[in-house]
Amino acid sequence: MSMDQMQVLLVEDEPAQREVLAYNLEAEGYVVRQACDGEEAMMLIDEAAPDLIILDWMMPLLSGIEVCRRIKTRTETRDIPVIMLSARSEEVDAVRGLDTGADDYVVKPYNLRELMARVRTQMRRARPAASGTVLDFEDISLNSETHRVLRGGQEVKLGPTEYRLLVTFMEKPGRVFSRDQLLDLVWGRDIYVDTRTVDVHIARLRKVLTANSGADPIRTVRGTGYSLG
């Protein structure tokens, strides 16, 4: 999909901030739809699912955290990347936002250039296997169009990051990826993430894939990284 077809839903109750953000997103080539509260946001999402949602934490009628929870618990919208904006800088709030399913968390006042870089990264992540093909490895099957993953015929429920990791591995089974390579491919080069984060998400992916007593398909290559098979 070309950049001018990519749609961003901007949910922000402060008109001045919404205007500045919309201007900058449109300058990047995105189609921007705007909502001033959580209820309007849900209505617009029901009308047409966007490619990415920028969501303010504190809003009237329906909080950003509740909007995020609803988006991430619905099958048809759970894979839409969500960047949460908040004046809250406490770590516990960031964790709560991410636990609700947000893909990124930006504290106000934010640097516009950094925010735009994060938007670009999330857009890349949203389309890891855009061809809509089915990828297979041993008894694992991944449909990149429906985002369904099966192992031994049983559906496997993965979080967005674990799903992107599995796509990366399944596109090139047997290839050994270093942690830095996985950070670039899954998280994006524009954002700093500690390499230990890779280990955490690999562990989560392994746990889900082996939940029904299946063999662990991910190989740890000591001193190098990880591979599928």
C-alpha atoms as a PDB file:
ATOM      1  CA  MET A   1       0.000   0.000   0.000  1.00  0.00           C
ATOM      2  CA  SER A   2       1.344   3.415  -0.910  1.00  0.00           C
ATOM      3  CA  MET A   3       1.943   6.035   1.753  1.00  0.00           C
ATOM      4  CA  ASP A   4      -0.982   8.226   0.628  1.00  0.00           C
ATOM      5  CA  GLN A   5      -3.357   5.331   1.255  1.00  0.00           C
ATOM      6  CA  MET A   6      -2.184   4.775   4.822  1.00  0.00           C
ATOM      7  CA  GLN A   7      -4.698   6.099   7.299  1.00  0.00           C
ATOM      8  CA  VAL A   8      -3.999   7.403  10.792  1.00  0.00           C
ATOM      9  CA  LEU A   9      -6.758   7.911  13.347  1.00  0.00           C
ATOM     10  CA  LEU A  10      -5.749  10.751  15.664  1.00  0.00           C
ATOM     11  CA  VAL A  11      -7.631  10.766  18.972  1.00  0.00           C
ATOM     12  CA  GLU A  12      -6.860  13.887  21.013  1.00  0.00           C
ATOM     13  CA  ASP A  13      -9.256  16.110  22.993  1.00  0.00           C
ATOM     14  CA  GLU A  14      -7.067  19.240  22.920  1.00  0.00           C
ATOM     15  CA  PRO A  15      -7.786  21.074  19.629  1.00  0.00           C
ATOM     16  CA  ALA A  16      -4.416  22.866  19.421  1.00  0.00           C
ATOM     17  CA  GLN A  17      -2.403  19.636  19.860  1.00  0.00           C
ATOM     18  CA  ARG A  18      -4.700  17.774  17.481  1.00  0.00           C
ATOM     19  CA  GLU A  19      -4.218  20.441  14.812  1.00  0.00           C
ATOM     20  CA  VAL A  20      -0.406  20.393  15.087  1.00  0.00           C
ATOM     21  CA  LEU A  21      -0.263  16.593  14.984  1.00  0.00           C
ATOM     22  CA  ALA A  22      -2.673  16.358  12.056  1.00  0.00           C
ATOM     23  CA  TYR A  23      -0.641  18.914  10.100  1.00  0.00           C
ATOM     24  CA  ASN A  24       2.598  16.994  10.641  1.00  0.00           C
ATOM     25  CA  LEU A  25       1.038  13.607   9.813  1.00  0.00           C
ATOM     26  CA  GLU A  26      -0.458  14.983   6.599  1.00  0.00           C
ATOM     27  CA  ALA A  27       2.924  16.488   5.718  1.00  0.00           C
ATOM     28  CA  GLU A  28       4.332  12.938   5.975  1.00  0.00           C
ATOM     29  CA  GLY A  29       1.751  11.815   3.422  1.00  0.00           C
ATOM     30  CA  TYR A  30      -0.768  10.068   5.685  1.00  0.00           C
ATOM     31  CA  VAL A  31      -4.538  10.398   5.436  1.00  0.00           C
ATOM     32  CA  VAL A  32      -5.641  11.649   8.868  1.00  0.00           C
ATOM     33  CA  ARG A  33      -9.028  11.187  10.510  1.00  0.00           C
ATOM     34  CA  GLN A  34      -9.636  12.931  13.813  1.00  0.00           C
ATOM     35  CA  ALA A  35     -11.647  12.229  16.955  1.00  0.00           C
ATOM     36  CA  CYS A  36     -11.929  14.451  20.030  1.00  0.00           C
ATOM     37  CA  ASP A  37     -13.028  11.740  22.477  1.00  0.00           C
ATOM     38  CA  GLY A  38     -13.011   7.993  22.961  1.00  0.00           C
ATOM     39  CA  GLU A  39     -16.601   7.382  21.888  1.00  0.00           C
ATOM     40  CA  GLU A  40     -16.098   9.210  18.592  1.00  0.00           C
ATOM     41  CA  ALA A  41     -12.902   7.207  18.093  1.00  0.00           C
ATOM     42  CA  MET A  42     -14.723   3.884  18.462  1.00  0.00           C
ATOM     43  CA  MET A  43     -17.391   5.055  16.015  1.00  0.00           C
ATOM     44  CA  LEU A  44     -14.752   5.984  13.397  1.00  0.00           C
ATOM     45  CA  ILE A  45     -12.933   2.660  13.919  1.00  0.00           C
ATOM     46  CA  ASP A  46     -16.209   0.799  13.345  1.00  0.00           C
ATOM     47  CA  GLU A  47     -16.769   2.774  10.130  1.00  0.00           C
ATOM     48  CA  ALA A  48     -13.325   1.995   8.698  1.00  0.00           C
ATOM     49  CA  ALA A  49     -10.333   0.471  10.477  1.00  0.00           C
ATOM     50  CA  PRO A  50      -7.259   2.743  10.226  1.00  0.00           C
ATOM     51  CA  ASP A  51      -3.694   1.539   9.676  1.00  0.00           C
ATOM     52  CA  LEU A  52      -2.525   3.161  12.927  1.00  0.00           C
ATOM     53  CA  ILE A  53      -4.084   4.910  15.929  1.00  0.00           C
ATOM     54  CA  ILE A  54      -2.525   7.751  17.936  1.00  0.00           C
ATOM     55  CA  LEU A  55      -4.431   7.816  21.190  1.00  0.00           C
ATOM     56  CA  ASP A  56      -4.395  10.321  24.031  1.00  0.00           C
ATOM     57  CA  TRP A  57      -4.569   8.774  27.518  1.00  0.00           C
ATOM     58  CA  MET A  58      -6.799  11.339  29.280  1.00  0.00           C
ATOM     59  CA  MET A  59     -10.037  12.051  27.409  1.00  0.00           C
ATOM     60  CA  PRO A  60     -13.684  12.735  28.202  1.00  0.00           C
ATOM     61  CA  LEU A  61     -16.429  10.085  27.873  1.00  0.00           C
ATOM     62  CA  LEU A  62     -14.067   7.173  27.281  1.00  0.00           C
ATOM     63  CA  SER A  63     -10.416   7.112  28.375  1.00  0.00           C
ATOM     64  CA  GLY A  64      -7.602   6.262  25.990  1.00  0.00           C
ATOM     65  CA  ILE A  65      -6.723   3.201  28.065  1.00  0.00           C
ATOM     66  CA  GLU A  66     -10.298   1.892  27.709  1.00  0.00           C
ATOM     67  CA  VAL A  67     -10.331   2.588  23.961  1.00  0.00           C
ATOM     68  CA  CYS A  68      -7.030   0.695  23.648  1.00  0.00           C
ATOM     69  CA  ARG A  69      -8.409  -2.227  25.664  1.00  0.00           C
ATOM     70  CA  ARG A  70     -11.456  -2.474  23.406  1.00  0.00           C
ATOM     71  CA  ILE A  71      -9.369  -2.264  20.219  1.00  0.00           C
ATOM     72  CA  LYS A  72      -6.990  -4.986  21.379  1.00  0.00           C
ATOM     73  CA  THR A  73      -9.714  -7.395  22.543  1.00  0.00           C
ATOM     74  CA  ARG A  74     -11.570  -7.352  19.223  1.00  0.00           C
ATOM     75  CA  THR A  75     -10.316  -9.783  16.574  1.00  0.00           C
ATOM     76  CA  GLU A  76     -10.896  -7.380  13.687  1.00  0.00           C
ATOM     77  CA  THR A  77      -8.933  -4.507  15.271  1.00  0.00           C
ATOM     78  CA  ARG A  78      -6.380  -6.106  17.618  1.00  0.00           C
ATOM     79  CA  ASP A  79      -3.525  -5.907  15.096  1.00  0.00           C
ATOM     80  CA  ILE A  80      -3.867  -2.151  14.501  1.00  0.00           C
ATOM     81  CA  PRO A  81      -0.781  -0.465  16.030  1.00  0.00           C
ATOM     82  CA  VAL A  82      -1.617   1.957  18.869  1.00  0.00           C
ATOM     83  CA  ILE A  83       0.681   4.745  20.028  1.00  0.00           C
ATOM     84  CA  MET A  84      -0.493   6.198  23.343  1.00  0.00           C
ATOM     85  CA  LEU A  85       0.188   9.824  24.303  1.00  0.00           C
ATOM     86  CA  SER A  86       0.164  10.873  27.925  1.00  0.00           C
ATOM     87  CA  ALA A  87       1.353  13.624  30.251  1.00  0.00           C
ATOM     88  CA  ARG A  88       1.871  10.894  32.832  1.00  0.00           C
ATOM     89  CA  SER A  89       5.562  10.060  33.010  1.00  0.00           C
ATOM     90  CA  GLU A  90       5.497   7.481  35.807  1.00  0.00           C
ATOM     91  CA  GLU A  91       6.830   4.105  34.736  1.00  0.00           C
ATOM     92  CA  VAL A  92       3.814   2.293  36.198  1.00  0.00           C
ATOM     93  CA  ASP A  93       1.531   4.173  33.780  1.00  0.00           C
ATOM     94  CA  ALA A  94       3.713   3.247  30.820  1.00  0.00           C
ATOM     95  CA  VAL A  95       3.584  -0.398  31.886  1.00  0.00           C
ATOM     96  CA  ARG A  96      -0.197  -0.206  32.297  1.00  0.00           C
ATOM     97  CA  GLY A  97      -0.546   1.272  28.810  1.00  0.00           C
ATOM     98  CA  LEU A  98       1.630  -1.431  27.258  1.00  0.00           C
ATOM     99  CA  ASP A  99      -0.112  -4.171  29.240  1.00  0.00           C
ATOM    100  CA  THR A 100      -3.422  -2.999  27.778  1.00  0.00           C
ATOM    101  CA  GLY A 101      -1.973  -3.716  24.354  1.00  0.00           C
ATOM    102  CA  ALA A 102      -0.519  -0.376  23.278  1.00  0.00           C
ATOM    103  CA  ASP A 103       2.385  -0.853  20.863  1.00  0.00           C
ATOM    104  CA  ASP A 104       4.204   2.301  21.926  1.00  0.00           C
ATOM    105  CA  TYR A 105       3.956   4.987  24.606  1.00  0.00           C
ATOM    106  CA  VAL A 106       5.040   8.616  24.225  1.00  0.00           C
ATOM    107  CA  VAL A 107       5.164  11.082  27.117  1.00  0.00           C
ATOM    108  CA  LYS A 108       4.081  14.699  26.638  1.00  0.00           C
ATOM    109  CA  PRO A 109       5.655  17.084  25.849  1.00  0.00           C
ATOM    110  CA  TYR A 110       7.009  14.995  22.995  1.00  0.00           C
ATOM    111  CA  ASN A 111       9.455  15.749  20.200  1.00  0.00           C
ATOM    112  CA  LEU A 112       7.480  15.833  16.934  1.00  0.00           C
ATOM    113  CA  ARG A 113      10.344  14.397  14.898  1.00  0.00           C
ATOM    114  CA  GLU A 114      10.648  11.451  17.283  1.00  0.00           C
ATOM    115  CA  LEU A 115       6.894  10.862  17.243  1.00  0.00           C
ATOM    116  CA  MET A 116       6.855  10.845  13.429  1.00  0.00           C
ATOM    117  CA  ALA A 117       9.732   8.323  13.469  1.00  0.00           C
ATOM    118  CA  ARG A 118       7.704   6.095  15.796  1.00  0.00           C
ATOM    119  CA  VAL A 119       4.697   6.383  13.492  1.00  0.00           C
ATOM    120  CA  ARG A 120       6.833   5.265  10.527  1.00  0.00           C
ATOM    121  CA  THR A 121       8.179   2.332  12.545  1.00  0.00           C
ATOM    122  CA  GLN A 122       4.697   1.186  13.577  1.00  0.00           C
ATOM    123  CA  MET A 123       3.469   1.473   9.982  1.00  0.00           C
ATOM    124  CA  ARG A 124       6.311  -0.821   8.855  1.00  0.00           C
ATOM    125  CA  ARG A 125       5.487  -3.277  11.613  1.00  0.00           C
ATOM    126  CA  ALA A 126       1.817  -3.310  10.649  1.00  0.00           C
ATOM    127  CA  ARG A 127       2.646  -4.890   7.274  1.00  0.00           C
ATOM    128  CA  PRO A 128       5.366  -7.503   7.884  1.00  0.00           C
ATOM    129  CA  ALA A 129       4.156  -9.931   5.242  1.00  0.00           C
ATOM    130  CA  ALA A 130       1.991  -7.708   3.097  1.00  0.00           C
ATOM    131  CA  SER A 131       1.629 -10.212   0.270  1.00  0.00           C
ATOM    132  CA  GLY A 132      -1.098 -12.071   2.154  1.00  0.00           C
ATOM    133  CA  THR A 133       0.632 -15.420   1.721  1.00  0.00           C
ATOM    134  CA  VAL A 134       0.599 -18.409   4.055  1.00  0.00           C
ATOM    135  CA  LEU A 135       3.981 -19.274   5.592  1.00  0.00           C
ATOM    136  CA  ASP A 136       4.670 -22.818   6.753  1.00  0.00           C
ATOM    137  CA  PHE A 137       7.415 -24.373   8.867  1.00  0.00           C
ATOM    138  CA  GLU A 138       7.039 -27.981  10.062  1.00  0.00           C
ATOM    139  CA  ASP A 139       3.659 -28.028  11.869  1.00  0.00           C
ATOM    140  CA  ILE A 140       3.406 -24.221  12.171  1.00  0.00           C
ATOM    141  CA  SER A 141       1.267 -22.297   9.671  1.00  0.00           C
ATOM    142  CA  LEU A 142       0.996 -18.494   9.565  1.00  0.00           C
ATOM    143  CA  ASN A 143      -1.567 -16.654   7.449  1.00  0.00           C
ATOM    144  CA  SER A 144      -0.267 -13.103   7.038  1.00  0.00           C
ATOM    145  CA  GLU A 145      -3.609 -11.877   5.669  1.00  0.00           C
ATOM    146  CA  THR A 146      -5.778 -13.031   8.579  1.00  0.00           C
ATOM    147  CA  HIS A 147      -2.902 -12.980  11.138  1.00  0.00           C
ATOM    148  CA  ARG A 148      -3.891 -16.472  12.265  1.00  0.00           C
ATOM    149  CA  VAL A 149      -1.203 -18.858  13.465  1.00  0.00           C
ATOM    150  CA  LEU A 150      -1.779 -22.601  13.713  1.00  0.00           C
ATOM    151  CA  ARG A 151       0.426 -25.237  15.277  1.00  0.00           C
ATOM    152  CA  GLY A 152      -0.550 -28.842  14.715  1.00  0.00           C
ATOM    153  CA  GLY A 153      -3.895 -27.567  13.452  1.00  0.00           C
ATOM    154  CA  GLN A 154      -4.617 -25.674  16.687  1.00  0.00           C
ATOM    155  CA  GLU A 155      -4.833 -21.886  16.722  1.00  0.00           C
ATOM    156  CA  VAL A 156      -2.055 -20.102  18.620  1.00  0.00           C
ATOM    157  CA  LYS A 157      -2.779 -16.682  20.168  1.00  0.00           C
ATOM    158  CA  LEU A 158       0.201 -14.339  19.891  1.00  0.00           C
ATOM    159  CA  GLY A 159       0.709 -10.733  20.954  1.00  0.00           C
ATOM    160  CA  PRO A 160       1.627  -8.232  18.199  1.00  0.00           C
ATOM    161  CA  THR A 161       5.382  -8.308  18.919  1.00  0.00           C
ATOM    162  CA  GLU A 162       5.532 -12.105  19.189  1.00  0.00           C
ATOM    163  CA  TYR A 163       3.592 -12.343  15.920  1.00  0.00           C
ATOM    164  CA  ARG A 164       6.082 -10.065  14.147  1.00  0.00           C
ATOM    165  CA  LEU A 165       8.988 -12.106  15.530  1.00  0.00           C
ATOM    166  CA  LEU A 166       7.430 -15.307  14.207  1.00  0.00           C
ATOM    167  CA  VAL A 167       6.830 -13.722  10.778  1.00  0.00           C
ATOM    168  CA  THR A 168      10.496 -12.677  10.658  1.00  0.00           C
ATOM    169  CA  PHE A 169      11.646 -16.195  11.528  1.00  0.00           C
ATOM    170  CA  MET A 170       9.203 -17.962   9.193  1.00  0.00           C
ATOM    171  CA  GLU A 171      10.121 -15.823   6.208  1.00  0.00           C
ATOM    172  CA  LYS A 172      13.696 -17.155   6.507  1.00  0.00           C
ATOM    173  CA  PRO A 173      13.716 -20.440   8.447  1.00  0.00           C
ATOM    174  CA  GLY A 174      17.167 -21.650   9.420  1.00  0.00           C
ATOM    175  CA  ARG A 175      18.687 -18.177   9.237  1.00  0.00           C
ATOM    176  CA  VAL A 176      20.347 -17.019  12.452  1.00  0.00           C
ATOM    177  CA  PHE A 177      19.274 -13.509  13.480  1.00  0.00           C
ATOM    178  CA  SER A 178      21.314 -11.489  15.954  1.00  0.00           C
ATOM    179  CA  ARG A 179      19.454  -9.515  18.632  1.00  0.00           C
ATOM    180  CA  ASP A 180      20.344  -6.267  16.854  1.00  0.00           C
ATOM    181  CA  GLN A 181      18.966  -7.586  13.560  1.00  0.00           C
ATOM    182  CA  LEU A 182      15.723  -8.603  15.270  1.00  0.00           C
ATOM    183  CA  LEU A 183      15.483  -5.153  16.882  1.00  0.00           C
ATOM    184  CA  ASP A 184      15.824  -3.524  13.443  1.00  0.00           C
ATOM    185  CA  LEU A 185      13.344  -5.855  11.757  1.00  0.00           C
ATOM    186  CA  VAL A 186      10.711  -6.111  14.485  1.00  0.00           C
ATOM    187  CA  TRP A 187      11.028  -2.919  16.535  1.00  0.00           C
ATOM    188  CA  GLY A 188      12.551  -0.600  13.895  1.00  0.00           C
ATOM    189  CA  ARG A 189      15.801   1.333  13.642  1.00  0.00           C
ATOM    190  CA  ASP A 190      14.254   4.636  14.691  1.00  0.00           C
ATOM    191  CA  ILE A 191      13.601   3.535  18.273  1.00  0.00           C
ATOM    192  CA  TYR A 192      16.039   2.543  20.997  1.00  0.00           C
ATOM    193  CA  VAL A 193      15.092  -0.728  22.672  1.00  0.00           C
ATOM    194  CA  ASP A 194      17.364  -2.669  25.004  1.00  0.00           C
ATOM    195  CA  THR A 195      18.535  -5.933  23.441  1.00  0.00           C
ATOM    196  CA  ARG A 196      17.276  -7.793  26.530  1.00  0.00           C
ATOM    197  CA  THR A 197      13.760  -6.947  25.320  1.00  0.00           C
ATOM    198  CA  VAL A 198      14.360  -9.401  22.472  1.00  0.00           C
ATOM    199  CA  ASP A 199      15.066 -12.197  24.953  1.00  0.00           C
ATOM    200  CA  VAL A 200      11.851 -11.420  26.871  1.00  0.00           C
ATOM    201  CA  HIS A 201       9.681 -11.613  23.738  1.00  0.00           C
ATOM    202  CA  ILE A 202      11.471 -14.722  22.463  1.00  0.00           C
ATOM    203  CA  ALA A 203      10.673 -16.379  25.794  1.00  0.00           C
ATOM    204  CA  ARG A 204       7.006 -15.396  25.440  1.00  0.00           C
ATOM    205  CA  LEU A 205       6.885 -16.721  21.873  1.00  0.00           C
ATOM    206  CA  ARG A 206       8.446 -20.013  22.961  1.00  0.00           C
ATOM    207  CA  LYS A 207       5.972 -20.360  25.834  1.00  0.00           C
ATOM    208  CA  VAL A 208       2.955 -19.980  23.539  1.00  0.00           C
ATOM    209  CA  LEU A 209       4.327 -22.224  20.784  1.00  0.00           C
ATOM    210  CA  THR A 210       5.117 -25.039  23.243  1.00  0.00           C
ATOM    211  CA  ALA A 211       1.945 -24.662  25.344  1.00  0.00           C
ATOM    212  CA  ASN A 212       0.474 -27.911  23.971  1.00  0.00           C
ATOM    213  CA  SER A 213       3.660 -29.932  24.547  1.00  0.00           C
ATOM    214  CA  GLY A 214       5.093 -29.184  21.128  1.00  0.00           C
ATOM    215  CA  ALA A 215       8.862 -29.140  20.650  1.00  0.00           C
ATOM    216  CA  ASP A 216      10.547 -25.735  20.877  1.00  0.00           C
ATOM    217  CA  PRO A 217      11.120 -24.660  17.228  1.00  0.00           C
ATOM    218  CA  ILE A 218      13.336 -21.692  18.131  1.00  0.00           C
ATOM    219  CA  ARG A 219      17.028 -22.397  18.434  1.00  0.00           C
ATOM    220  CA  THR A 220      19.346 -20.295  20.591  1.00  0.00           C
ATOM    221  CA  VAL A 221      22.726 -19.861  18.921  1.00  0.00           C
ATOM    222  CA  ARG A 222      25.045 -19.049  21.794  1.00  0.00           C
ATOM    223  CA  GLY A 223      26.843 -15.754  21.353  1.00  0.00           C
ATOM    224  CA  THR A 224      24.955 -14.969  18.150  1.00  0.00           C
ATOM    225  CA  GLY A 225      21.179 -14.933  18.416  1.00  0.00           C
ATOM    226  CA  TYR A 226      18.191 -17.034  17.390  1.00  0.00           C
ATOM    227  CA  SER A 227      16.861 -19.020  14.477  1.00  0.00           C
ATOM    228  CA  LEU A 228      13.778 -21.007  13.554  1.00  0.00           C
ATOM    229  CA  GLY A 229      14.922 -24.601  13.213  1.00  0.00           C
END
